[in-house]
Amino acid sequence: MREMLISIRFFLRFYDKKLRFGMLDEFRIGPRGNVFKNKYRCYSSSFGALSETKSNDIQKGGKVILPPSALDQLSRLNISYPMLFKLTNSNKTNRSTHCGVLEFVAEEGIMFLPYWMMQNLLLAEGDLVLIENCTLPVATYAKFKPQSTEFLDISDPKAVLENALRNFACLTKGDVIAIQYNNRQYELYVLEVRPQDAVCIIECDISLEFDAPVGYQKQEVDSAPEQTTFGTPDVKKAIEDYMKENAEFSAFEGTGFRLDGRKKNTKSKKNEFDPSQVKRGIPNYKWKVGSITYNRNNTKPKVEEDDPSNNFSAFKGKGQALRKKRT
């Protein structure tokens, strides 16, 4: 009997120590914590285990798919919402990023990531990735650098990016994210985010800016030559030379003579070129190289109102009767 009491006391002391030091947490007996930390085998959305719809949902955003056991563990912890996670390459601890969760339908021990996220982490299919929950501040500013000049072909890139970021939960400085638009994929490098290097972008008012794309060259505009009403000075000189060579007859030019034989003090007028008298046509701004345009003068001639022949009016005048009226 005495030996039984001693064994019971020893068991109670051992149980009390494990309870105080939290060693029974693995059996879900001890106090709850707020840390979720696990390792999973990672696969891209195009691996083939998911449906086409779910694969597209992962690829166009920044969220992952976890197994149901992860949801069971997270529900037992005192964590903040929305659920945000930090992903770290188990082999290279300096490669990390942040993400949200889309669903908890993956097989046990497996998680699915967007392919661009695996490229940022330098992961291959089936590599181990460390995932742990985290809390991030709300974003206020983000700056992106497109990785191709094709991004400039989008008419409203800011609206396209705002719409694409709805599928993301957070942003990390140094990541290269991928967005989908018009059946094409555009990659954007995250240059800067505020207030920290990793931020949450769920239901926030964020200011977006763009840097010049990779490979973009600014076109240098040469200083335009001096312009006049007739173009450059060379064009004006060419017009003056042409007008002088093809000067037509001008009446009452030359010197005058008097009847008494004396010379009249008259000076001949010089045939000077007046640029204001040259009529310039209106250029056709819609003209294209290789096209021929025929300009015809289809204006109707003006009718002079004083001409009596043009004042004809039908059914006017006095009528005549064959029989004269009796008086």
Protein backbone atom coordinates (compact mmCIF):
# COMPACT_ATOMS: atom_id res chain seq x y z
CA MET A 1 0.00 0.00 0.00
CA ARG A 2 2.83 2.32 0.91
CA GLU A 3 4.60 1.66 -2.38
CA MET A 4 1.40 2.53 -4.25
CA LEU A 5 1.09 5.91 -2.48
CA ILE A 6 4.72 6.70 -3.30
CA SER A 7 4.16 5.95 -7.01
CA ILE A 8 1.02 8.14 -7.05
CA ARG A 9 2.92 11.07 -5.47
CA PHE A 10 5.76 10.65 -7.98
CA PHE A 11 3.28 10.70 -10.87
CA LEU A 12 1.54 13.84 -9.57
CA ARG A 13 4.88 15.65 -9.19
CA PHE A 14 5.92 14.64 -12.70
CA TYR A 15 2.58 15.74 -14.16
CA ASP A 16 2.79 19.08 -12.31
CA LYS A 17 6.26 19.78 -13.77
CA LYS A 18 5.18 19.00 -17.32
CA LEU A 19 2.12 21.19 -16.95
CA ARG A 20 4.14 24.12 -15.61
CA PHE A 21 6.78 23.95 -18.34
CA GLY A 22 4.24 23.46 -21.17
CA MET A 23 5.57 20.04 -22.16
CA LEU A 24 2.06 18.68 -22.66
CA ASP A 25 1.18 21.16 -25.35
CA GLU A 26 1.98 18.57 -27.98
CA PHE A 27 -0.84 16.44 -26.54
CA ARG A 28 -3.20 19.51 -26.57
CA ILE A 29 -3.42 19.30 -22.76
CA GLY A 30 -1.29 22.31 -21.82
CA PRO A 31 -2.09 26.04 -22.27
CA ARG A 32 -2.65 27.34 -25.79
CA GLY A 33 0.05 29.35 -27.60
CA ASN A 34 0.05 31.67 -30.61
CA VAL A 35 2.85 30.20 -32.75
CA PHE A 36 2.20 28.05 -35.82
CA LYS A 37 5.36 26.57 -37.31
CA ASN A 38 5.52 23.58 -39.65
CA LYS A 39 7.39 22.20 -42.64
CA TYR A 40 5.69 21.00 -45.81
CA ARG A 41 6.64 19.65 -49.21
CA CYS A 42 5.88 22.41 -51.69
CA TYR A 43 4.55 22.01 -55.21
CA SER A 44 3.53 24.56 -57.83
CA SER A 45 -0.06 25.05 -58.94
CA SER A 46 0.73 23.42 -62.29
CA PHE A 47 1.90 20.15 -60.70
CA GLY A 48 -1.34 18.41 -61.71
CA ALA A 49 -2.87 17.46 -58.37
CA LEU A 50 -5.32 20.37 -58.40
CA SER A 51 -8.25 21.18 -60.66
CA GLU A 52 -7.78 23.73 -63.43
CA THR A 53 -9.91 26.31 -61.61
CA LYS A 54 -7.95 26.12 -58.35
CA SER A 55 -4.67 26.06 -60.25
CA ASN A 56 -5.59 29.31 -62.01
CA ASP A 57 -6.71 30.89 -58.73
CA ILE A 58 -3.33 30.19 -57.14
CA GLN A 59 -1.27 31.29 -60.14
CA LYS A 60 -2.93 34.72 -60.50
CA GLY A 61 -2.48 35.68 -56.85
CA GLY A 62 -0.23 35.48 -53.81
CA LYS A 63 -1.98 32.83 -51.67
CA VAL A 64 -1.24 29.17 -50.91
CA ILE A 65 -3.25 26.00 -50.24
CA LEU A 66 -2.58 24.14 -46.98
CA PRO A 67 -3.73 20.75 -45.66
CA PRO A 68 -6.78 20.46 -43.31
CA SER A 69 -4.53 19.65 -40.33
CA ALA A 70 -3.08 23.16 -40.55
CA LEU A 71 -6.56 24.63 -40.12
CA ASP A 72 -7.12 22.39 -37.09
CA GLN A 73 -3.90 23.62 -35.47
CA LEU A 74 -4.59 27.27 -36.30
CA SER A 75 -8.09 27.07 -34.83
CA ARG A 76 -6.59 25.97 -31.50
CA LEU A 77 -4.16 28.90 -31.40
CA ASN A 78 -4.74 32.47 -30.37
CA ILE A 79 -3.69 34.08 -33.69
CA SER A 80 -4.69 37.33 -35.34
CA TYR A 81 -6.74 37.55 -38.54
CA PRO A 82 -6.42 37.69 -41.49
CA MET A 83 -4.10 34.67 -41.51
CA LEU A 84 -0.70 35.70 -42.85
CA PHE A 85 2.35 33.45 -43.09
CA LYS A 86 6.09 33.75 -43.60
CA LEU A 87 7.65 31.20 -45.96
CA THR A 88 11.35 30.36 -45.69
CA ASN A 89 13.49 28.03 -47.76
CA SER A 90 14.72 25.31 -45.38
CA ASN A 91 18.04 25.06 -47.22
CA LYS A 92 18.57 28.83 -47.69
CA THR A 93 17.38 30.82 -44.71
CA ASN A 94 18.02 34.14 -46.44
CA ARG A 95 15.25 33.42 -48.98
CA SER A 96 11.86 34.27 -47.48
CA THR A 97 8.56 35.82 -48.50
CA HIS A 98 5.04 36.33 -47.15
CA CYS A 99 1.66 35.06 -48.30
CA GLY A 100 -1.96 34.44 -47.38
CA VAL A 101 -3.99 31.23 -47.46
CA LEU A 102 -6.63 30.42 -50.08
CA GLU A 103 -7.99 27.05 -48.92
CA PHE A 104 -7.22 24.08 -46.66
CA VAL A 105 -7.77 21.23 -49.12
CA ALA A 106 -4.23 19.97 -49.87
CA GLU A 107 -3.01 16.50 -48.96
CA GLU A 108 -1.32 16.05 -45.61
CA GLY A 109 2.30 17.13 -45.60
CA ILE A 110 1.90 19.05 -48.88
CA MET A 111 1.24 22.68 -49.75
CA PHE A 112 0.70 24.36 -53.12
CA LEU A 113 2.34 27.69 -54.07
CA PRO A 114 2.28 29.99 -57.10
CA TYR A 115 5.16 29.26 -59.44
CA TRP A 116 6.52 32.83 -59.19
CA MET A 117 6.70 32.44 -55.40
CA MET A 118 8.73 29.23 -55.74
CA GLN A 119 11.12 31.09 -58.05
CA ASN A 120 11.62 33.82 -55.44
CA LEU A 121 12.40 31.20 -52.79
CA LEU A 122 14.65 29.18 -55.15
CA LEU A 123 12.53 26.08 -54.55
CA ALA A 124 12.07 23.03 -56.76
CA GLU A 125 9.13 20.65 -56.83
CA GLY A 126 9.00 18.65 -53.60
CA ASP A 127 11.45 20.78 -51.59
CA LEU A 128 10.81 21.49 -47.91
CA VAL A 129 9.56 24.95 -46.96
CA LEU A 130 9.16 26.33 -43.45
CA ILE A 131 5.87 28.14 -42.77
CA GLU A 132 5.03 30.17 -39.69
CA ASN A 133 2.26 32.60 -38.88
CA CYS A 134 3.02 36.32 -38.63
CA THR A 135 1.42 39.73 -38.20
CA LEU A 136 2.13 42.51 -40.72
CA PRO A 137 1.25 46.22 -40.72
CA VAL A 138 -1.21 47.67 -43.22
CA ALA A 139 0.43 48.99 -46.39
CA THR A 140 0.40 52.69 -47.29
CA TYR A 141 2.79 52.84 -50.27
CA ALA A 142 4.27 50.47 -52.87
CA LYS A 143 6.55 51.02 -55.86
CA PHE A 144 6.97 48.50 -58.70
CA LYS A 145 9.42 48.05 -61.57
CA PRO A 146 8.02 46.17 -64.61
CA GLN A 147 10.39 43.53 -65.94
CA SER A 148 9.45 44.13 -69.59
CA THR A 149 8.62 47.10 -71.80
CA GLU A 150 5.48 45.25 -72.94
CA PHE A 151 3.86 46.52 -69.73
CA LEU A 152 3.76 49.98 -71.34
CA ASP A 153 1.28 48.68 -73.94
CA ILE A 154 -1.44 48.57 -71.26
CA SER A 155 -3.66 51.63 -71.54
CA ASP A 156 -4.26 52.00 -67.78
CA PRO A 157 -1.57 50.02 -65.91
CA LYS A 158 -2.45 51.42 -62.49
CA ALA A 159 -6.06 50.23 -62.71
CA VAL A 160 -4.90 46.81 -63.95
CA LEU A 161 -2.48 46.46 -61.02
CA GLU A 162 -5.08 47.55 -58.46
CA ASN A 163 -7.46 44.90 -59.78
CA ALA A 164 -4.76 42.20 -59.76
CA LEU A 165 -3.66 42.98 -56.17
CA ARG A 166 -7.09 41.91 -54.92
CA ASN A 167 -5.84 38.33 -55.21
CA PHE A 168 -2.83 39.07 -52.98
CA ALA A 169 -2.71 39.21 -49.19
CA CYS A 170 0.69 40.85 -48.65
CA LEU A 171 3.76 42.23 -50.39
CA THR A 172 7.44 41.74 -49.61
CA LYS A 173 10.25 44.02 -50.72
CA GLY A 174 12.54 42.33 -53.24
CA ASP A 175 9.95 39.88 -54.59
CA VAL A 176 9.05 39.54 -58.26
CA ILE A 177 5.29 39.06 -58.43
CA ALA A 178 3.30 37.99 -61.50
CA ILE A 179 -0.10 39.34 -62.58
CA GLN A 180 -2.43 38.13 -65.33
CA TYR A 181 -4.03 40.48 -67.89
CA ASN A 182 -5.52 39.72 -71.32
CA ASN A 183 -4.23 36.13 -71.24
CA ARG A 184 -0.71 37.38 -70.67
CA GLN A 185 1.57 37.34 -67.63
CA TYR A 186 3.45 40.45 -66.52
CA GLU A 187 6.20 40.35 -63.89
CA LEU A 188 6.73 43.27 -61.50
CA TYR A 189 9.65 43.77 -59.12
CA VAL A 190 8.68 45.18 -55.70
CA LEU A 191 11.11 48.07 -55.25
CA GLU A 192 9.72 49.56 -52.06
CA VAL A 193 6.86 49.10 -49.60
CA ARG A 194 5.89 51.11 -46.55
CA PRO A 195 5.84 51.22 -43.55
CA GLN A 196 7.94 48.01 -43.40
CA ASP A 197 9.65 45.66 -45.84
CA ALA A 198 6.63 43.32 -45.61
CA VAL A 199 3.08 44.67 -45.48
CA CYS A 200 -0.52 43.51 -45.58
CA ILE A 201 -2.65 44.82 -48.49
CA ILE A 202 -6.08 43.46 -47.46
CA GLU A 203 -8.70 46.23 -47.29
CA CYS A 204 -6.23 49.12 -47.29
CA ASP A 205 -5.76 52.45 -49.04
CA ILE A 206 -2.40 52.09 -50.77
CA SER A 207 -0.56 54.51 -53.08
CA LEU A 208 0.97 52.80 -56.13
CA GLU A 209 3.86 54.06 -58.27
CA PHE A 210 5.87 52.66 -61.20
CA ASP A 211 9.52 52.89 -62.12
CA ALA A 212 10.83 52.71 -65.69
CA PRO A 213 10.62 49.14 -67.06
CA VAL A 214 13.71 47.03 -67.61
CA GLY A 215 15.15 47.78 -71.07
CA TYR A 216 13.31 51.09 -71.45
CA GLN A 217 15.32 53.81 -73.20
CA LYS A 218 14.18 57.38 -73.04
CA GLN A 219 14.06 59.00 -76.47
CA GLU A 220 16.20 62.12 -76.69
CA VAL A 221 14.48 65.01 -78.42
CA ASP A 222 16.82 67.15 -80.55
CA SER A 223 16.55 70.88 -80.16
CA ALA A 224 14.28 72.18 -82.94
CA PRO A 225 15.79 74.76 -85.33
CA GLU A 226 14.53 78.30 -85.44
CA GLN A 227 10.99 78.29 -86.78
CA THR A 228 9.32 81.10 -88.71
CA THR A 229 5.90 81.46 -90.27
CA PHE A 230 7.27 79.55 -93.28
CA GLY A 231 9.28 76.87 -91.45
CA THR A 232 13.05 76.96 -91.16
CA PRO A 233 15.17 79.82 -92.60
CA ASP A 234 16.32 77.53 -95.43
CA VAL A 235 12.74 77.00 -96.56
CA LYS A 236 12.05 80.72 -96.45
CA LYS A 237 15.14 81.47 -98.58
CA ALA A 238 14.15 78.82 -101.13
CA ILE A 239 10.69 80.37 -101.47
CA GLU A 240 12.18 83.85 -101.95
CA ASP A 241 14.54 82.63 -104.69
CA TYR A 242 11.71 80.85 -106.47
CA MET A 243 9.46 83.92 -106.38
CA LYS A 244 12.21 86.17 -107.77
CA GLU A 245 12.98 83.82 -110.64
CA ASN A 246 9.33 83.47 -111.58
CA ALA A 247 8.30 87.06 -111.05
CA GLU A 248 5.33 87.93 -113.27
CA PHE A 249 4.53 91.24 -115.05
CA SER A 250 3.69 94.11 -112.72
CA ALA A 251 1.89 97.16 -114.21
CA PHE A 252 3.15 100.75 -113.93
CA GLU A 253 6.73 99.84 -113.18
CA GLY A 254 9.75 101.76 -114.48
CA THR A 255 10.68 105.47 -114.83
CA GLY A 256 8.37 108.29 -116.01
CA PHE A 257 8.96 111.00 -118.73
CA ARG A 258 7.73 114.62 -119.01
CA LEU A 259 6.50 116.32 -122.21
CA ASP A 260 9.01 119.17 -121.86
CA GLY A 261 11.91 116.67 -121.85
CA ARG A 262 12.85 117.06 -118.26
CA LYS A 263 13.43 114.00 -116.16
CA LYS A 264 10.87 113.21 -113.57
CA ASN A 265 12.15 112.40 -110.16
CA THR A 266 10.54 108.96 -109.93
CA LYS A 267 12.08 105.96 -108.35
CA SER A 268 11.43 102.50 -109.65
CA LYS A 269 9.93 100.20 -107.08
CA LYS A 270 11.94 97.19 -106.26
CA ASN A 271 10.23 93.89 -106.68
CA GLU A 272 10.61 92.78 -103.09
CA PHE A 273 9.27 89.47 -101.84
CA ASP A 274 6.52 89.76 -99.27
CA PRO A 275 6.13 86.50 -97.36
CA SER A 276 2.65 87.49 -96.17
CA GLN A 277 1.37 87.24 -99.78
CA VAL A 278 2.27 83.57 -100.09
CA LYS A 279 -0.72 81.37 -99.41
CA ARG A 280 0.05 78.13 -97.67
CA GLY A 281 -2.25 75.16 -97.82
CA ILE A 282 -3.59 73.22 -94.84
CA PRO A 283 -1.63 69.97 -94.41
CA ASN A 284 -3.48 66.67 -94.38
CA TYR A 285 -2.68 65.23 -90.95
CA LYS A 286 -4.43 61.93 -91.82
CA TRP A 287 -2.12 61.22 -94.76
CA LYS A 288 -0.30 57.88 -94.64
CA VAL A 289 2.84 56.80 -96.45
CA GLY A 290 2.00 55.02 -99.72
CA SER A 291 -1.43 56.61 -100.20
CA ILE A 292 -2.46 59.07 -102.91
CA THR A 293 -5.06 61.75 -102.28
CA TYR A 294 -6.81 63.61 -105.10
CA ASN A 295 -7.94 67.11 -104.19
CA ARG A 296 -10.63 68.44 -106.53
CA ASN A 297 -12.21 71.85 -106.53
CA ASN A 298 -15.89 71.00 -106.38
CA THR A 299 -17.08 74.37 -105.16
CA LYS A 300 -20.04 75.74 -107.10
CA PRO A 301 -19.59 79.10 -108.85
CA LYS A 302 -21.19 82.02 -107.17
CA VAL A 303 -24.34 83.39 -108.85
CA GLU A 304 -24.49 87.15 -109.22
CA GLU A 305 -27.72 88.53 -107.82
CA ASP A 306 -27.82 91.56 -110.20
CA ASP A 307 -28.09 89.37 -113.33
CA PRO A 308 -31.80 89.53 -114.44
CA SER A 309 -31.49 86.16 -116.20
CA ASN A 310 -30.90 84.50 -112.86
CA ASN A 311 -34.07 85.96 -111.31
CA PHE A 312 -36.39 83.50 -113.04
CA SER A 313 -39.38 82.38 -110.99
CA ALA A 314 -41.85 79.82 -112.34
CA PHE A 315 -45.60 80.47 -112.70
CA LYS A 316 -45.43 84.22 -112.43
CA GLY A 317 -47.01 86.81 -114.75
CA LYS A 318 -50.45 87.67 -116.11
CA GLY A 319 -52.82 85.21 -117.66
CA GLN A 320 -54.49 85.69 -121.15
CA ALA A 321 -58.02 84.65 -122.09
CA LEU A 322 -59.09 83.63 -125.63
CA ARG A 323 -62.41 85.47 -125.31
CA LYS A 324 -62.55 88.96 -124.16
CA LYS A 325 -64.92 89.85 -121.41
CA ARG A 326 -68.08 91.69 -122.40
CA THR A 327 -68.30 95.18 -121.10
